[in-house]
Each structure stands twice: as C-alpha cells, then as structure tokens.
Amino acid sequence: MAKHLARIHGTEEDKVNCPFYFKIGACRHSDRCSRLHHRPAFSPTILIKHVYRHPVRLAELQQAATAGETVIDEQKAMEDFLCFFEDFFLELSKFGRIDALHVCDNLGDHMIGHVYCKFFNEEDASDALQVMNGRYYDGRRMEVEFSPVTDFREARCRDFDEDVCSRGGFCNFLHVKPVPPALIRSLEEESEVDDVEKKTIDVTGNGRNDEPERGNDENGESGNDLESQVESLVEAGPGVDLGLGL
C-alpha cells in the first residue's frame, strides 16, 4: 500500500494531492481545489508571484482604459523582459548560486507574471525568501513563497518548448520565456566575479591595490559583506522598495 501511494503521489491517479500544484507550484483552482496543496516548509526553489508585467496583460489594460486598439511593440517588449531578467538574476544571485531562473509566459490568472528561482543551496533560497518577501518592486509588494517544484522538466510544457502548444497562454503547464544562452552565461560570469571580489574583500579587508573599495562607508569599512546586507534588510522589515534598477 505504501509503495502504491508513493508511486501515484502527485499524479492524476492521486485523488488526495493536487498534481498541478505538486508539479508546477500553481493551480487554477487555488484554495478552492478539491485536492490538497502541500506547501513546503523549505525548498531550493522560491516562487515570486505575479511580479513580471506581461505585455499582453498591459496591452489589455491599456485598451480597456482608452477604448482603442493597442498594438504591442514586440521589440520593446523583449528589451523590457531581458532587462527584467537581468535585474532579477543579479539581485537573486547575491544570495547564492542560481541553478535556474524561469519567468512564466502564461496568461492564466494563477500563473501570469510568476518567477521561479531554484538555488543550488536550500539555505540560499531561505535567505532570498526572507529578504524579498514583502518588499516592493516596480511599485508593487512582492509575495514570495517556497515552491515544491525542483524538477522543471515535469513542470514545463513540452509542446510550448517545441512551439506547438494548442492551449496558448492559458495552458496549465509552465511556459518558460526563452532567454538567450549567451546572456545567461554572461550573468553567471558576472555574479561569480562579484562573489570572488566580495570574498577577497572579506579575507583581506581591502579592495584592489590601485582602486578604492566599492561600497565602503566613511570609516573605510566594507559594505559588501552579504551576511550584513541580508541582516540589515531583514531588520528593515516589509515596505522597503528594493529598487532593482527599473
């Protein structure tokens, strides 16, 4: 019996636990779902809910307000998205090494604007959640929670990845907005360099020999220590705008 329950857990055969929440961390029925949503107490993956402003939804709102047809500038929308992705990758990488960062292209109310960030270390995910949850980005309060998703192969819509999904933006599986691999490599390298520089400053107490230390205060003390940054943000409490650059 135990083996049978373990085999069907999180599948359509499981009549107790919601398979969509188990695989994707989101369910269109929300709290009204007839099956259980087991919210993890810890996870290497955090979900930042509805933080990305999808251009289709923005166009719909603008059209409703102006009673006129709104055309989406695809090039500008892509530039805005890449800036958004870069901002969040660099901000989240301050907490630890990122395994995956995915932005939803879905349009359903239960998934639109979701950002998933999987860290290599669960403690880094916990630090990120503690700091990011309740803060403000682009004028909106962020809602962050641990996600049960640890294997995005099960969460992703394979048809979307092959450009053949017939459900479009309202598919219940994850449509991951594509990001150029070259940009991801560049951001990973940049975050690694920043991490090395922080560790060097922590060990030596000095920056480069020929350059002033970055982030030092008037007394010459380093402001680049991640632990102190996290502690100061936590002490600040909710209501602080992170100001990630947009």
Protein backbone atom coordinates (compact mmCIF):
# COMPACT_ATOMS: atom_id res chain seq x y z
CA MET A 1 0.00 0.00 0.00
CA ALA A 2 2.79 2.44 0.92
CA LYS A 3 4.59 1.69 -2.36
CA HIS A 4 1.36 2.27 -4.28
CA LEU A 5 0.75 5.65 -2.59
CA ALA A 6 4.35 6.70 -3.24
CA ARG A 7 4.01 5.71 -6.90
CA ILE A 8 0.84 7.69 -7.55
CA HIS A 9 1.74 10.74 -5.39
CA GLY A 10 1.35 13.91 -7.45
CA THR A 11 -0.10 12.09 -10.47
CA GLU A 12 -3.62 12.11 -11.91
CA GLU A 13 -4.25 8.82 -10.06
CA ASP A 14 -3.70 10.63 -6.74
CA LYS A 15 -7.17 11.66 -5.57
CA VAL A 16 -5.84 13.38 -2.44
CA ASN A 17 -2.94 15.60 -3.56
CA CYS A 18 -3.19 18.11 -6.42
CA PRO A 19 -0.91 17.02 -9.28
CA PHE A 20 -0.71 20.50 -10.77
CA TYR A 21 0.39 22.11 -7.53
CA PHE A 22 2.88 19.30 -6.95
CA LYS A 23 4.42 19.72 -10.43
CA ILE A 24 4.05 23.46 -11.03
CA GLY A 25 3.50 25.09 -7.65
CA ALA A 26 0.33 26.72 -9.00
CA CYS A 27 -3.25 25.54 -9.51
CA ARG A 28 -6.07 27.30 -11.35
CA HIS A 29 -8.49 26.33 -8.57
CA SER A 30 -6.29 27.95 -5.91
CA ASP A 31 -7.59 27.31 -2.37
CA ARG A 32 -10.90 26.06 -3.83
CA CYS A 33 -9.16 22.97 -5.22
CA SER A 34 -10.71 19.69 -4.09
CA ARG A 35 -7.24 18.21 -3.61
CA LEU A 36 -4.54 19.15 -1.13
CA HIS A 37 -1.80 21.67 -1.82
CA HIS A 38 1.18 20.72 0.33
CA ARG A 39 3.18 23.92 0.75
CA PRO A 40 6.80 23.04 1.54
CA ALA A 41 8.42 24.35 4.72
CA PHE A 42 11.74 24.53 2.86
CA SER A 43 12.86 24.10 -0.74
CA PRO A 44 15.74 25.12 -3.02
CA THR A 45 13.11 26.85 -5.20
CA ILE A 46 11.26 30.07 -4.44
CA LEU A 47 8.30 31.47 -6.33
CA ILE A 48 7.87 35.23 -6.71
CA LYS A 49 4.22 35.60 -7.63
CA HIS A 50 2.89 37.89 -10.38
CA VAL A 51 5.97 40.14 -10.37
CA TYR A 52 6.61 40.24 -14.14
CA ARG A 53 4.34 42.63 -16.02
CA HIS A 54 3.28 40.63 -19.07
CA PRO A 55 2.98 42.87 -22.17
CA VAL A 56 -0.25 41.17 -23.28
CA ARG A 57 -1.93 41.94 -19.96
CA LEU A 58 -0.59 45.52 -20.02
CA ALA A 59 -1.99 45.96 -23.53
CA GLU A 60 -5.38 44.65 -22.41
CA LEU A 61 -5.49 47.10 -19.52
CA GLN A 62 -4.46 49.99 -21.75
CA GLN A 63 -7.06 49.05 -24.35
CA ALA A 64 -9.78 48.88 -21.71
CA ALA A 65 -8.78 52.30 -20.38
CA THR A 66 -8.61 54.03 -23.76
CA ALA A 67 -11.34 52.09 -25.57
CA GLY A 68 -8.98 51.83 -28.51
CA GLU A 69 -6.89 49.10 -30.07
CA THR A 70 -3.40 48.70 -28.58
CA VAL A 71 -0.55 47.21 -30.57
CA ILE A 72 2.31 45.55 -28.70
CA ASP A 73 5.78 46.65 -29.73
CA GLU A 74 7.43 43.22 -29.78
CA GLN A 75 10.98 44.55 -29.86
CA LYS A 76 10.42 46.86 -26.88
CA ALA A 77 8.62 44.09 -25.01
CA MET A 78 11.61 41.80 -25.49
CA GLU A 79 14.06 44.50 -24.40
CA ASP A 80 11.97 45.18 -21.28
CA PHE A 81 11.85 41.46 -20.48
CA LEU A 82 15.61 40.99 -20.85
CA CYS A 83 16.21 43.98 -18.56
CA PHE A 84 13.78 42.46 -16.05
CA PHE A 85 15.51 39.08 -16.24
CA GLU A 86 18.95 40.63 -15.80
CA ASP A 87 17.80 42.67 -12.79
CA PHE A 88 16.35 39.66 -11.03
CA PHE A 89 19.22 37.31 -11.86
CA LEU A 90 21.82 39.69 -10.46
CA GLU A 91 19.72 40.53 -7.40
CA LEU A 92 18.91 36.91 -6.57
CA SER A 93 22.46 35.73 -7.21
CA LYS A 94 23.53 37.86 -4.23
CA PHE A 95 22.03 35.15 -2.02
CA GLY A 96 23.82 32.24 -3.66
CA ARG A 97 24.46 30.36 -6.86
CA ILE A 98 21.38 30.05 -9.08
CA ASP A 99 20.56 26.72 -10.69
CA ALA A 100 17.62 28.01 -12.75
CA LEU A 101 15.64 31.24 -13.17
CA HIS A 102 12.39 30.99 -15.12
CA VAL A 103 9.79 33.64 -15.97
CA CYS A 104 6.27 32.49 -16.89
CA ASP A 105 4.86 33.40 -20.28
CA ASN A 106 1.46 32.04 -19.23
CA LEU A 107 -1.60 34.30 -19.20
CA GLY A 108 -3.82 32.43 -16.73
CA ASP A 109 -4.59 34.39 -13.58
CA HIS A 110 -2.98 31.72 -11.37
CA MET A 111 0.37 31.85 -13.22
CA ILE A 112 0.78 35.17 -15.01
CA GLY A 113 3.96 37.03 -14.09
CA HIS A 114 5.35 34.22 -11.90
CA VAL A 115 9.12 33.96 -11.47
CA TYR A 116 10.74 30.73 -10.27
CA CYS A 117 14.27 30.75 -8.89
CA LYS A 118 15.99 27.49 -7.97
CA PHE A 119 19.19 27.75 -5.95
CA PHE A 120 21.82 25.05 -5.53
CA ASN A 121 21.55 25.50 -1.76
CA GLU A 122 18.31 25.48 0.25
CA GLU A 123 19.77 27.93 2.78
CA ASP A 124 20.33 30.46 -0.01
CA ALA A 125 16.69 30.07 -1.06
CA SER A 126 15.61 30.64 2.53
CA ASP A 127 17.69 33.83 2.76
CA ALA A 128 16.24 35.09 -0.53
CA LEU A 129 12.67 34.43 0.63
CA GLN A 130 13.24 36.14 3.97
CA VAL A 131 14.60 39.28 2.32
CA MET A 132 12.44 39.51 -0.81
CA ASN A 133 9.04 38.67 0.64
CA GLY A 134 7.06 41.79 1.47
CA ARG A 135 9.46 44.16 -0.30
CA TYR A 136 8.45 46.30 -3.23
CA TYR A 137 9.45 46.03 -6.87
CA ASP A 138 8.22 48.46 -9.50
CA GLY A 139 5.75 49.88 -7.00
CA ARG A 140 4.18 46.53 -6.09
CA ARG A 141 4.59 44.39 -2.98
CA MET A 142 6.25 41.07 -3.72
CA GLU A 143 4.74 37.83 -2.47
CA VAL A 144 7.39 35.11 -2.20
CA GLU A 145 6.97 31.50 -1.10
CA PHE A 146 8.79 28.19 -1.25
CA SER A 147 7.81 26.15 -4.29
CA PRO A 148 7.51 22.36 -4.47
CA VAL A 149 9.00 22.48 -7.98
CA THR A 150 12.51 21.08 -8.07
CA ASP A 151 12.43 19.39 -11.49
CA PHE A 152 11.35 21.84 -14.17
CA ARG A 153 11.24 19.07 -16.76
CA GLU A 154 7.99 17.93 -15.15
CA ALA A 155 6.63 21.48 -14.85
CA ARG A 156 7.37 22.71 -18.37
CA CYS A 157 5.00 22.39 -21.30
CA ARG A 158 6.90 20.31 -23.84
CA ASP A 159 4.58 21.44 -26.64
CA PHE A 160 5.37 25.09 -25.89
CA ASP A 161 9.11 24.37 -25.96
CA GLU A 162 8.55 22.86 -29.43
CA ASP A 163 6.29 25.79 -30.42
CA VAL A 164 3.23 23.58 -30.94
CA CYS A 165 1.13 24.18 -27.79
CA SER A 166 -2.52 24.46 -28.83
CA ARG A 167 -3.64 25.92 -25.48
CA GLY A 168 -1.65 29.12 -25.87
CA GLY A 169 -1.05 31.34 -22.88
CA PHE A 170 -3.81 29.64 -20.88
CA CYS A 171 -2.06 26.28 -20.73
CA ASN A 172 -1.74 24.96 -17.17
CA PHE A 173 1.83 23.79 -17.65
CA LEU A 174 4.75 26.17 -17.39
CA HIS A 175 5.55 28.23 -20.48
CA VAL A 176 9.09 29.47 -19.83
CA LYS A 177 10.00 32.70 -21.59
CA PRO A 178 13.15 31.96 -23.62
CA VAL A 179 16.36 33.76 -22.68
CA PRO A 180 19.46 33.84 -24.92
CA PRO A 181 22.03 31.36 -23.53
CA ALA A 182 24.76 33.94 -24.08
CA LEU A 183 23.01 36.34 -21.69
CA ILE A 184 22.69 33.66 -19.02
CA ARG A 185 26.39 32.78 -19.32
CA SER A 186 27.31 36.45 -19.09
CA LEU A 187 25.18 36.95 -15.96
CA GLU A 188 26.61 33.80 -14.35
CA GLU A 189 30.15 35.04 -15.00
CA GLU A 190 29.31 38.50 -13.65
CA SER A 191 27.79 37.08 -10.47
CA GLU A 192 30.80 34.77 -9.98
CA VAL A 193 33.22 37.71 -10.35
CA ASP A 194 31.22 39.74 -7.82
CA ASP A 195 31.26 36.78 -5.43
CA VAL A 196 35.03 36.38 -5.74
CA GLU A 197 35.57 40.11 -5.15
CA LYS A 198 33.36 40.02 -2.04
CA LYS A 199 35.27 37.05 -0.65
CA THR A 200 38.59 38.77 -1.37
CA ILE A 201 37.48 41.89 0.47
CA ASP A 202 36.18 39.80 3.38
CA VAL A 203 39.51 37.97 3.74
CA THR A 204 41.94 40.84 3.19
CA GLY A 205 39.84 43.75 4.40
CA ASN A 206 40.97 45.65 1.31
CA GLY A 207 39.82 46.13 -2.23
CA ARG A 208 42.17 46.32 -5.21
CA ASN A 209 45.54 47.95 -4.60
CA ASP A 210 45.02 50.72 -7.12
CA GLU A 211 41.30 51.29 -6.73
CA PRO A 212 39.11 52.47 -3.88
CA GLU A 213 36.96 49.81 -2.26
CA ARG A 214 33.47 49.62 -3.66
CA GLY A 215 30.64 50.05 -1.21
CA ASN A 216 32.82 51.31 1.67
CA ASP A 217 31.38 53.72 4.19
CA GLU A 218 33.04 56.86 5.54
CA ASN A 219 35.05 54.84 8.07
CA GLY A 220 36.52 52.59 5.38
CA GLU A 221 34.52 49.55 6.43
CA SER A 222 33.37 47.23 3.71
CA GLY A 223 29.68 47.30 2.82
CA ASN A 224 29.94 44.27 0.55
CA ASP A 225 29.51 41.59 3.18
CA LEU A 226 26.42 39.64 2.07
CA GLU A 227 25.51 38.47 5.54
CA SER A 228 25.39 42.00 6.90
CA GLN A 229 23.33 43.12 3.87
CA VAL A 230 20.79 40.36 4.46
CA GLU A 231 20.59 41.15 8.18
CA SER A 232 20.07 44.85 7.54
CA LEU A 233 17.30 44.18 5.02
CA VAL A 234 15.57 41.75 7.35
CA GLU A 235 15.74 44.26 10.21
CA ALA A 236 14.26 46.93 7.93
CA GLY A 237 11.05 44.92 7.74
CA PRO A 238 8.40 44.91 4.98
CA GLY A 239 7.67 48.02 2.98
CA VAL A 240 11.19 48.59 1.66
CA ASP A 241 11.46 49.14 -2.09
CA LEU A 242 14.41 47.10 -3.34
CA GLY A 243 14.92 49.39 -6.32
CA LEU A 244 16.35 46.77 -8.66
CA GLY A 245 17.05 49.22 -11.42
CA LEU A 246 13.85 49.54 -13.45
